N, C-alpha and C. Protein backbone atom coordinates (compact mmCIF):
# COMPACT_ATOMS: atom_id res chain seq x y z
N MET A 1 28.50 -1.04 21.18
CA MET A 1 27.33 -1.83 20.82
C MET A 1 26.95 -1.53 19.37
N ASN A 2 26.70 -2.56 18.59
CA ASN A 2 26.30 -2.41 17.20
C ASN A 2 24.80 -2.12 17.14
N THR A 3 24.45 -0.95 16.64
CA THR A 3 23.04 -0.56 16.58
C THR A 3 22.48 -0.67 15.17
N ALA A 4 23.26 -1.16 14.22
CA ALA A 4 22.77 -1.32 12.85
C ALA A 4 21.62 -2.32 12.84
N ARG A 5 20.57 -1.96 12.13
CA ARG A 5 19.43 -2.86 12.02
C ARG A 5 19.70 -3.89 10.95
N LYS A 6 19.37 -5.10 11.25
CA LYS A 6 19.59 -6.21 10.32
C LYS A 6 18.42 -6.38 9.35
N TYR A 7 17.20 -6.07 9.78
CA TYR A 7 16.02 -6.36 8.98
C TYR A 7 15.17 -5.13 8.63
N LYS A 8 15.77 -3.96 8.55
CA LYS A 8 15.02 -2.76 8.19
C LYS A 8 14.34 -3.00 6.84
N PHE A 9 13.06 -2.70 6.77
CA PHE A 9 12.32 -3.00 5.55
C PHE A 9 12.76 -2.12 4.39
N ASP A 10 12.85 -2.76 3.25
CA ASP A 10 13.10 -2.09 1.98
C ASP A 10 12.34 -2.90 0.93
N TRP A 11 11.71 -2.23 -0.02
CA TRP A 11 10.90 -2.90 -1.02
C TRP A 11 11.68 -3.99 -1.75
N SER A 12 12.98 -3.80 -1.89
CA SER A 12 13.81 -4.78 -2.59
C SER A 12 13.83 -6.13 -1.87
N LEU A 13 13.46 -6.17 -0.58
CA LEU A 13 13.41 -7.43 0.15
C LEU A 13 12.33 -8.37 -0.39
N LEU A 14 11.41 -7.85 -1.20
CA LEU A 14 10.42 -8.72 -1.82
C LEU A 14 11.08 -9.59 -2.90
N GLY A 15 12.22 -9.14 -3.39
CA GLY A 15 13.02 -9.94 -4.31
C GLY A 15 12.47 -10.02 -5.72
N ASP A 16 13.16 -10.77 -6.53
CA ASP A 16 12.75 -11.05 -7.90
C ASP A 16 12.08 -12.42 -7.88
N ILE A 17 10.80 -12.42 -7.73
CA ILE A 17 10.05 -13.66 -7.54
C ILE A 17 10.12 -14.54 -8.79
N ASP A 18 10.05 -13.93 -9.96
CA ASP A 18 10.12 -14.71 -11.20
C ASP A 18 11.46 -15.43 -11.32
N LEU A 19 12.52 -14.77 -10.93
CA LEU A 19 13.84 -15.38 -10.95
C LEU A 19 13.97 -16.47 -9.88
N GLY A 20 13.51 -16.17 -8.70
CA GLY A 20 13.69 -17.08 -7.56
C GLY A 20 12.74 -18.26 -7.53
N ARG A 21 11.59 -18.14 -8.20
CA ARG A 21 10.60 -19.23 -8.18
C ARG A 21 10.15 -19.56 -9.61
N PRO A 22 11.08 -19.99 -10.46
CA PRO A 22 10.71 -20.24 -11.86
C PRO A 22 9.71 -21.39 -12.02
N ASN A 23 9.65 -22.30 -11.07
CA ASN A 23 8.73 -23.43 -11.18
C ASN A 23 7.47 -23.25 -10.36
N LEU A 24 7.59 -22.67 -9.17
CA LEU A 24 6.44 -22.51 -8.29
C LEU A 24 5.68 -21.21 -8.52
N GLY A 25 6.34 -20.21 -9.08
CA GLY A 25 5.66 -18.95 -9.41
C GLY A 25 5.34 -18.10 -8.20
N ARG A 26 4.41 -17.20 -8.39
CA ARG A 26 4.08 -16.17 -7.40
C ARG A 26 3.08 -16.61 -6.35
N ASN A 27 2.40 -17.69 -6.55
CA ASN A 27 1.31 -18.06 -5.65
C ASN A 27 1.72 -19.10 -4.62
N ALA A 28 1.16 -18.96 -3.45
CA ALA A 28 1.31 -19.94 -2.36
C ALA A 28 -0.06 -20.09 -1.72
N ARG A 29 -0.28 -21.16 -1.03
CA ARG A 29 -1.57 -21.42 -0.39
C ARG A 29 -1.79 -20.48 0.79
N LEU A 30 -3.04 -20.11 0.98
CA LEU A 30 -3.45 -19.22 2.06
C LEU A 30 -3.10 -19.80 3.43
N GLU A 31 -3.20 -21.12 3.56
CA GLU A 31 -2.89 -21.76 4.84
C GLU A 31 -1.45 -21.48 5.27
N VAL A 32 -0.53 -21.41 4.32
CA VAL A 32 0.87 -21.15 4.63
C VAL A 32 1.05 -19.73 5.16
N TYR A 33 0.38 -18.77 4.52
CA TYR A 33 0.41 -17.38 4.98
C TYR A 33 -0.15 -17.27 6.40
N ARG A 34 -1.31 -17.90 6.63
CA ARG A 34 -1.93 -17.83 7.95
C ARG A 34 -1.11 -18.56 9.00
N LEU A 35 -0.50 -19.66 8.63
CA LEU A 35 0.38 -20.37 9.55
C LEU A 35 1.49 -19.45 10.03
N MET A 36 2.12 -18.74 9.11
CA MET A 36 3.19 -17.81 9.49
C MET A 36 2.64 -16.67 10.36
N GLN A 37 1.55 -16.05 9.91
CA GLN A 37 0.98 -14.92 10.65
C GLN A 37 0.61 -15.29 12.08
N PHE A 38 -0.12 -16.40 12.25
CA PHE A 38 -0.61 -16.73 13.58
C PHE A 38 0.48 -17.31 14.47
N CYS A 39 1.50 -17.91 13.89
CA CYS A 39 2.65 -18.34 14.70
C CYS A 39 3.45 -17.13 15.17
N PHE A 40 3.65 -16.15 14.29
CA PHE A 40 4.29 -14.89 14.72
C PHE A 40 3.49 -14.26 15.85
N ARG A 41 2.18 -14.16 15.66
CA ARG A 41 1.32 -13.54 16.67
C ARG A 41 1.40 -14.29 17.98
N ASP A 42 1.37 -15.60 17.93
CA ASP A 42 1.45 -16.42 19.15
C ASP A 42 2.75 -16.14 19.91
N GLN A 43 3.86 -16.16 19.20
CA GLN A 43 5.15 -15.95 19.85
C GLN A 43 5.29 -14.53 20.40
N MET A 44 4.83 -13.56 19.66
CA MET A 44 4.89 -12.17 20.16
C MET A 44 4.01 -11.99 21.38
N GLU A 45 2.81 -12.56 21.34
CA GLU A 45 1.89 -12.41 22.46
C GLU A 45 2.46 -13.06 23.72
N GLN A 46 3.13 -14.19 23.58
CA GLN A 46 3.76 -14.83 24.73
C GLN A 46 4.85 -13.94 25.32
N ARG A 47 5.61 -13.27 24.48
CA ARG A 47 6.73 -12.45 24.94
C ARG A 47 6.33 -11.04 25.37
N PHE A 48 5.38 -10.44 24.64
CA PHE A 48 5.08 -9.02 24.84
C PHE A 48 3.68 -8.73 25.33
N GLY A 49 2.80 -9.72 25.31
CA GLY A 49 1.41 -9.50 25.70
C GLY A 49 0.54 -9.13 24.50
N THR A 50 -0.76 -9.22 24.70
CA THR A 50 -1.71 -9.00 23.61
C THR A 50 -1.69 -7.56 23.12
N ALA A 51 -1.72 -6.60 24.03
CA ALA A 51 -1.79 -5.19 23.62
C ALA A 51 -0.58 -4.78 22.78
N GLN A 52 0.60 -5.15 23.21
CA GLN A 52 1.80 -4.78 22.46
C GLN A 52 1.86 -5.53 21.12
N THR A 53 1.42 -6.78 21.11
CA THR A 53 1.38 -7.54 19.86
C THR A 53 0.43 -6.88 18.87
N ASP A 54 -0.75 -6.47 19.35
CA ASP A 54 -1.70 -5.77 18.49
C ASP A 54 -1.08 -4.48 17.94
N GLU A 55 -0.36 -3.76 18.78
CA GLU A 55 0.30 -2.53 18.35
C GLU A 55 1.36 -2.82 17.28
N ILE A 56 2.13 -3.88 17.46
CA ILE A 56 3.15 -4.25 16.48
C ILE A 56 2.49 -4.60 15.15
N PHE A 57 1.40 -5.37 15.18
CA PHE A 57 0.71 -5.72 13.95
C PHE A 57 0.14 -4.48 13.26
N TYR A 58 -0.43 -3.55 14.04
CA TYR A 58 -0.97 -2.30 13.48
C TYR A 58 0.16 -1.52 12.81
N GLU A 59 1.27 -1.36 13.50
CA GLU A 59 2.40 -0.59 12.95
C GLU A 59 3.02 -1.28 11.74
N ALA A 60 3.08 -2.62 11.76
CA ALA A 60 3.57 -3.36 10.59
C ALA A 60 2.63 -3.14 9.41
N GLY A 61 1.33 -3.14 9.67
CA GLY A 61 0.35 -2.85 8.63
C GLY A 61 0.52 -1.46 8.06
N LYS A 62 0.82 -0.49 8.94
CA LYS A 62 1.06 0.88 8.47
C LYS A 62 2.28 0.96 7.57
N LEU A 63 3.35 0.29 7.98
CA LEU A 63 4.56 0.27 7.16
C LEU A 63 4.24 -0.34 5.79
N ALA A 64 3.55 -1.48 5.81
CA ALA A 64 3.21 -2.16 4.56
C ALA A 64 2.27 -1.32 3.69
N GLY A 65 1.28 -0.70 4.31
CA GLY A 65 0.33 0.12 3.55
C GLY A 65 0.99 1.30 2.88
N GLY A 66 1.92 1.95 3.57
CA GLY A 66 2.63 3.07 2.96
C GLY A 66 3.50 2.63 1.80
N GLU A 67 4.19 1.51 1.98
CA GLU A 67 5.04 0.97 0.92
C GLU A 67 4.18 0.49 -0.26
N PHE A 68 3.05 -0.13 0.04
CA PHE A 68 2.13 -0.61 -0.99
C PHE A 68 1.61 0.55 -1.82
N TYR A 69 1.23 1.64 -1.15
CA TYR A 69 0.74 2.81 -1.86
C TYR A 69 1.84 3.35 -2.78
N ALA A 70 3.03 3.49 -2.26
CA ALA A 70 4.13 4.06 -3.03
C ALA A 70 4.54 3.19 -4.21
N HIS A 71 4.55 1.88 -4.03
CA HIS A 71 5.10 0.99 -5.06
C HIS A 71 4.05 0.31 -5.94
N VAL A 72 2.81 0.26 -5.47
CA VAL A 72 1.78 -0.45 -6.23
C VAL A 72 0.67 0.49 -6.70
N ILE A 73 0.13 1.28 -5.80
CA ILE A 73 -0.97 2.18 -6.16
C ILE A 73 -0.44 3.41 -6.90
N GLY A 74 0.56 4.05 -6.34
CA GLY A 74 1.12 5.25 -6.96
C GLY A 74 0.28 6.47 -6.66
N ALA A 75 0.84 7.61 -6.96
CA ALA A 75 0.17 8.88 -6.68
C ALA A 75 -1.12 8.98 -7.50
N VAL A 76 -2.22 9.21 -6.80
CA VAL A 76 -3.53 9.38 -7.42
C VAL A 76 -4.15 10.61 -6.77
N SER A 77 -4.74 11.50 -7.56
CA SER A 77 -5.30 12.72 -6.98
C SER A 77 -6.81 12.66 -6.78
N ASP A 78 -7.50 11.79 -7.50
CA ASP A 78 -8.95 11.68 -7.41
C ASP A 78 -9.33 10.51 -6.50
N PHE A 79 -10.22 10.76 -5.54
CA PHE A 79 -10.60 9.74 -4.58
C PHE A 79 -11.22 8.52 -5.26
N HIS A 80 -12.09 8.74 -6.23
CA HIS A 80 -12.75 7.62 -6.90
C HIS A 80 -11.74 6.77 -7.67
N GLU A 81 -10.76 7.41 -8.27
CA GLU A 81 -9.70 6.69 -8.98
C GLU A 81 -8.84 5.89 -7.98
N PHE A 82 -8.56 6.49 -6.82
CA PHE A 82 -7.81 5.82 -5.76
C PHE A 82 -8.54 4.55 -5.33
N VAL A 83 -9.83 4.66 -5.05
CA VAL A 83 -10.62 3.50 -4.60
C VAL A 83 -10.69 2.45 -5.70
N LYS A 84 -10.93 2.87 -6.93
CA LYS A 84 -11.01 1.93 -8.05
C LYS A 84 -9.70 1.16 -8.21
N ARG A 85 -8.59 1.87 -8.18
CA ARG A 85 -7.28 1.23 -8.33
C ARG A 85 -7.01 0.26 -7.17
N LEU A 86 -7.32 0.70 -5.95
CA LEU A 86 -7.13 -0.14 -4.78
C LEU A 86 -7.99 -1.40 -4.86
N GLN A 87 -9.24 -1.25 -5.25
CA GLN A 87 -10.13 -2.41 -5.38
C GLN A 87 -9.56 -3.41 -6.39
N GLU A 88 -9.12 -2.91 -7.53
CA GLU A 88 -8.59 -3.78 -8.58
C GLU A 88 -7.36 -4.55 -8.10
N VAL A 89 -6.44 -3.84 -7.48
CA VAL A 89 -5.18 -4.47 -7.07
C VAL A 89 -5.39 -5.46 -5.94
N LEU A 90 -6.19 -5.10 -4.93
CA LEU A 90 -6.43 -6.01 -3.82
C LEU A 90 -7.13 -7.28 -4.27
N LYS A 91 -8.06 -7.14 -5.22
CA LYS A 91 -8.74 -8.33 -5.75
C LYS A 91 -7.77 -9.16 -6.58
N GLU A 92 -7.02 -8.52 -7.45
CA GLU A 92 -6.06 -9.22 -8.30
C GLU A 92 -5.04 -10.00 -7.49
N LEU A 93 -4.58 -9.42 -6.37
CA LEU A 93 -3.58 -10.08 -5.53
C LEU A 93 -4.19 -11.08 -4.55
N GLY A 94 -5.51 -11.15 -4.51
CA GLY A 94 -6.18 -12.10 -3.63
C GLY A 94 -6.20 -11.67 -2.17
N VAL A 95 -6.04 -10.37 -1.92
CA VAL A 95 -6.03 -9.85 -0.55
C VAL A 95 -7.45 -9.75 -0.01
N GLY A 96 -8.38 -9.32 -0.84
CA GLY A 96 -9.76 -9.17 -0.42
C GLY A 96 -10.53 -8.30 -1.39
N ILE A 97 -11.82 -8.20 -1.14
CA ILE A 97 -12.70 -7.39 -1.98
C ILE A 97 -13.09 -6.16 -1.17
N LEU A 98 -12.52 -5.02 -1.54
CA LEU A 98 -12.70 -3.77 -0.82
C LEU A 98 -13.92 -3.02 -1.34
N ARG A 99 -14.64 -2.43 -0.41
CA ARG A 99 -15.78 -1.58 -0.74
C ARG A 99 -15.81 -0.40 0.22
N VAL A 100 -16.11 0.76 -0.29
CA VAL A 100 -16.27 1.94 0.55
C VAL A 100 -17.77 2.12 0.77
N GLU A 101 -18.22 1.91 2.01
CA GLU A 101 -19.65 2.02 2.32
C GLU A 101 -20.06 3.47 2.56
N GLN A 102 -19.16 4.21 3.19
CA GLN A 102 -19.43 5.63 3.47
C GLN A 102 -18.14 6.40 3.26
N ALA A 103 -18.27 7.57 2.63
CA ALA A 103 -17.11 8.43 2.41
C ALA A 103 -17.51 9.87 2.62
N ASP A 104 -16.97 10.48 3.64
CA ASP A 104 -17.16 11.90 3.90
C ASP A 104 -15.78 12.55 3.78
N LEU A 105 -15.44 12.92 2.54
CA LEU A 105 -14.11 13.48 2.26
C LEU A 105 -13.86 14.77 3.04
N ALA A 106 -14.87 15.60 3.14
CA ALA A 106 -14.71 16.90 3.80
C ALA A 106 -14.33 16.75 5.27
N ASN A 107 -14.93 15.77 5.94
CA ASN A 107 -14.68 15.58 7.37
C ASN A 107 -13.73 14.43 7.67
N GLY A 108 -13.27 13.74 6.64
CA GLY A 108 -12.31 12.65 6.84
C GLY A 108 -12.87 11.48 7.61
N LYS A 109 -14.10 11.04 7.26
CA LYS A 109 -14.75 9.92 7.93
C LYS A 109 -15.19 8.89 6.88
N PHE A 110 -14.76 7.65 7.08
CA PHE A 110 -15.03 6.61 6.11
C PHE A 110 -15.42 5.31 6.80
N VAL A 111 -16.21 4.51 6.10
CA VAL A 111 -16.49 3.14 6.50
C VAL A 111 -16.10 2.28 5.30
N ILE A 112 -15.20 1.34 5.55
CA ILE A 112 -14.62 0.51 4.49
C ILE A 112 -14.80 -0.95 4.86
N THR A 113 -15.19 -1.77 3.90
CA THR A 113 -15.29 -3.20 4.15
C THR A 113 -14.28 -3.94 3.28
N VAL A 114 -13.83 -5.08 3.80
CA VAL A 114 -13.00 -6.00 3.04
C VAL A 114 -13.61 -7.38 3.21
N SER A 115 -14.16 -7.90 2.13
CA SER A 115 -14.75 -9.24 2.14
C SER A 115 -13.72 -10.24 1.64
N GLU A 116 -13.90 -11.49 2.03
CA GLU A 116 -12.95 -12.56 1.69
C GLU A 116 -11.53 -12.17 2.09
N ASP A 117 -11.44 -11.55 3.26
CA ASP A 117 -10.19 -11.01 3.78
C ASP A 117 -9.12 -12.09 3.94
N LEU A 118 -7.93 -11.77 3.52
CA LEU A 118 -6.79 -12.68 3.57
C LEU A 118 -6.53 -13.19 4.99
N ASP A 119 -6.72 -12.34 5.99
CA ASP A 119 -6.36 -12.68 7.35
C ASP A 119 -7.38 -13.52 8.10
N CYS A 120 -8.68 -13.35 7.81
CA CYS A 120 -9.62 -14.00 8.73
C CYS A 120 -10.82 -14.70 8.11
N SER A 121 -11.13 -14.47 6.86
CA SER A 121 -12.33 -15.10 6.29
C SER A 121 -12.24 -16.61 6.38
N GLY A 122 -13.26 -17.20 6.98
CA GLY A 122 -13.30 -18.65 7.16
C GLY A 122 -12.81 -19.13 8.51
N LEU A 123 -12.27 -18.24 9.33
CA LEU A 123 -11.81 -18.65 10.65
C LEU A 123 -13.00 -18.89 11.57
N PRO A 124 -12.80 -19.61 12.66
CA PRO A 124 -13.90 -19.80 13.63
C PRO A 124 -14.22 -18.50 14.35
N GLU A 125 -15.44 -18.43 14.88
CA GLU A 125 -15.82 -17.25 15.67
C GLU A 125 -15.01 -17.23 16.96
N LEU A 126 -14.49 -16.04 17.28
CA LEU A 126 -13.63 -15.88 18.45
C LEU A 126 -14.16 -14.82 19.41
N ASP A 127 -15.21 -14.13 19.06
CA ASP A 127 -15.79 -13.07 19.88
C ASP A 127 -14.91 -11.83 19.99
N TYR A 128 -13.94 -11.67 19.11
CA TYR A 128 -13.14 -10.44 19.05
C TYR A 128 -12.59 -10.27 17.64
N GLU A 129 -12.37 -9.01 17.27
CA GLU A 129 -11.80 -8.70 15.96
C GLU A 129 -10.31 -9.03 15.98
N ILE A 130 -9.78 -9.47 14.84
CA ILE A 130 -8.36 -9.85 14.81
C ILE A 130 -7.54 -9.08 13.76
N CYS A 131 -8.15 -8.24 12.98
CA CYS A 131 -7.48 -7.66 11.81
C CYS A 131 -6.70 -6.38 12.14
N LYS A 132 -5.82 -6.46 13.12
CA LYS A 132 -5.00 -5.30 13.51
C LYS A 132 -4.07 -4.86 12.38
N TYR A 133 -3.47 -5.83 11.70
CA TYR A 133 -2.58 -5.52 10.58
C TYR A 133 -3.36 -4.74 9.51
N ASP A 134 -4.58 -5.20 9.22
CA ASP A 134 -5.42 -4.53 8.22
C ASP A 134 -5.75 -3.10 8.64
N GLU A 135 -5.98 -2.89 9.94
CA GLU A 135 -6.24 -1.52 10.42
C GLU A 135 -5.09 -0.60 10.06
N GLY A 136 -3.88 -1.03 10.36
CA GLY A 136 -2.71 -0.22 10.04
C GLY A 136 -2.51 -0.04 8.55
N PHE A 137 -2.74 -1.10 7.78
CA PHE A 137 -2.61 -1.06 6.33
C PHE A 137 -3.55 -0.03 5.73
N ILE A 138 -4.81 -0.06 6.15
CA ILE A 138 -5.81 0.90 5.65
C ILE A 138 -5.46 2.31 6.10
N ALA A 139 -5.02 2.47 7.34
CA ALA A 139 -4.64 3.80 7.84
C ALA A 139 -3.54 4.40 6.95
N ALA A 140 -2.54 3.61 6.64
CA ALA A 140 -1.43 4.11 5.81
C ALA A 140 -1.89 4.44 4.40
N LEU A 141 -2.77 3.62 3.84
CA LEU A 141 -3.29 3.92 2.50
C LEU A 141 -4.03 5.25 2.50
N MET A 142 -4.89 5.46 3.50
CA MET A 142 -5.64 6.71 3.60
C MET A 142 -4.71 7.90 3.83
N GLU A 143 -3.73 7.71 4.69
CA GLU A 143 -2.76 8.78 4.97
C GLU A 143 -1.95 9.11 3.72
N SER A 144 -1.54 8.09 2.99
CA SER A 144 -0.75 8.31 1.78
C SER A 144 -1.55 9.06 0.74
N PHE A 145 -2.83 8.73 0.61
CA PHE A 145 -3.68 9.40 -0.37
C PHE A 145 -4.01 10.84 0.03
N THR A 146 -4.38 11.03 1.31
CA THR A 146 -4.87 12.35 1.74
C THR A 146 -3.79 13.27 2.29
N GLY A 147 -2.70 12.70 2.78
CA GLY A 147 -1.68 13.51 3.46
C GLY A 147 -2.06 13.83 4.90
N LYS A 148 -3.14 13.24 5.38
CA LYS A 148 -3.60 13.47 6.76
C LYS A 148 -3.49 12.17 7.55
N ARG A 149 -3.30 12.32 8.86
CA ARG A 149 -3.17 11.15 9.74
C ARG A 149 -4.55 10.54 10.03
N PHE A 150 -4.62 9.21 10.00
CA PHE A 150 -5.88 8.50 10.23
C PHE A 150 -5.74 7.51 11.37
N VAL A 151 -6.85 7.27 12.04
CA VAL A 151 -6.95 6.14 12.96
C VAL A 151 -8.02 5.23 12.36
N VAL A 152 -7.69 3.95 12.27
CA VAL A 152 -8.61 2.97 11.70
C VAL A 152 -8.90 1.91 12.75
N LYS A 153 -10.17 1.55 12.85
CA LYS A 153 -10.60 0.56 13.84
C LYS A 153 -11.54 -0.43 13.17
N GLU A 154 -11.26 -1.71 13.36
CA GLU A 154 -12.18 -2.74 12.86
C GLU A 154 -13.38 -2.80 13.80
N VAL A 155 -14.58 -2.74 13.22
CA VAL A 155 -15.79 -2.76 14.03
C VAL A 155 -16.62 -4.02 13.80
N ASP A 156 -16.40 -4.71 12.69
CA ASP A 156 -17.02 -6.00 12.40
C ASP A 156 -15.94 -6.89 11.80
N CYS A 157 -16.00 -8.19 12.11
CA CYS A 157 -14.97 -9.12 11.65
C CYS A 157 -15.62 -10.48 11.42
N TRP A 158 -15.06 -11.25 10.52
CA TRP A 158 -15.52 -12.63 10.34
C TRP A 158 -15.53 -13.34 11.69
N CYS A 159 -14.51 -13.07 12.49
CA CYS A 159 -14.34 -13.76 13.78
C CYS A 159 -15.35 -13.33 14.84
N THR A 160 -16.13 -12.28 14.56
CA THR A 160 -17.19 -11.89 15.49
C THR A 160 -18.56 -12.26 14.94
N GLY A 161 -18.57 -13.09 13.88
CA GLY A 161 -19.83 -13.56 13.33
C GLY A 161 -20.28 -12.82 12.09
N ASP A 162 -19.57 -11.77 11.72
CA ASP A 162 -19.91 -11.05 10.49
C ASP A 162 -19.26 -11.76 9.32
N ARG A 163 -19.71 -11.51 8.14
CA ARG A 163 -19.13 -12.17 6.98
C ARG A 163 -18.35 -11.20 6.10
N THR A 164 -18.05 -10.06 6.68
CA THR A 164 -17.13 -9.11 6.06
C THR A 164 -16.43 -8.36 7.18
N CYS A 165 -15.26 -7.88 6.90
CA CYS A 165 -14.55 -7.03 7.88
C CYS A 165 -14.90 -5.59 7.58
N ARG A 166 -15.31 -4.87 8.59
CA ARG A 166 -15.73 -3.47 8.43
C ARG A 166 -14.85 -2.61 9.31
N PHE A 167 -14.39 -1.51 8.72
CA PHE A 167 -13.46 -0.62 9.41
C PHE A 167 -13.97 0.80 9.35
N THR A 168 -13.81 1.52 10.46
CA THR A 168 -14.02 2.97 10.42
C THR A 168 -12.64 3.60 10.26
N ALA A 169 -12.57 4.62 9.45
CA ALA A 169 -11.33 5.35 9.22
C ALA A 169 -11.61 6.83 9.40
N ASN A 170 -10.95 7.44 10.39
CA ASN A 170 -11.22 8.83 10.72
C ASN A 170 -9.93 9.62 10.80
N VAL A 171 -9.98 10.83 10.24
CA VAL A 171 -8.84 11.74 10.33
C VAL A 171 -8.63 12.09 11.81
N VAL A 172 -7.36 12.12 12.21
CA VAL A 172 -7.00 12.52 13.56
C VAL A 172 -6.68 14.01 13.52
N ASP A 173 -7.32 14.76 14.40
CA ASP A 173 -7.07 16.22 14.43
C ASP A 173 -5.73 16.56 15.02
């Protein structure tokens, strides 16, 4: 049996966008991104159920967050510099507007918001949070910066009637 993985992630899979899209460039409409995301989610949920789909999205977010930190944010030793750099890059890329509402560095407890979130801002109210990918992404960013394992949970979401996504991020003992 061939056990070689066909789609193992590598940063090079992002490609040379300038070369590959000389006319269309780096930008695409948000609707296209959401169409892909929610169709993936729909198909996974049909095959694996909601809980496993949420877990896959969380773990995919963690993979992306770790890679993003390594390739975009880079090693930063000061927390304020880390947050400033992250805010700048996420806004520049159109991912969202990040804010740290609470930061307890000593105890590893944080409250982070992302407004105008790529995944859900403007969606209809659904009575449940949907930003599982973002949870994993934030967890990996925090883990990459601190070297400690984090669990991140969305506690407010556009889809629950809030107008910002709010996450708690806590070090796991």
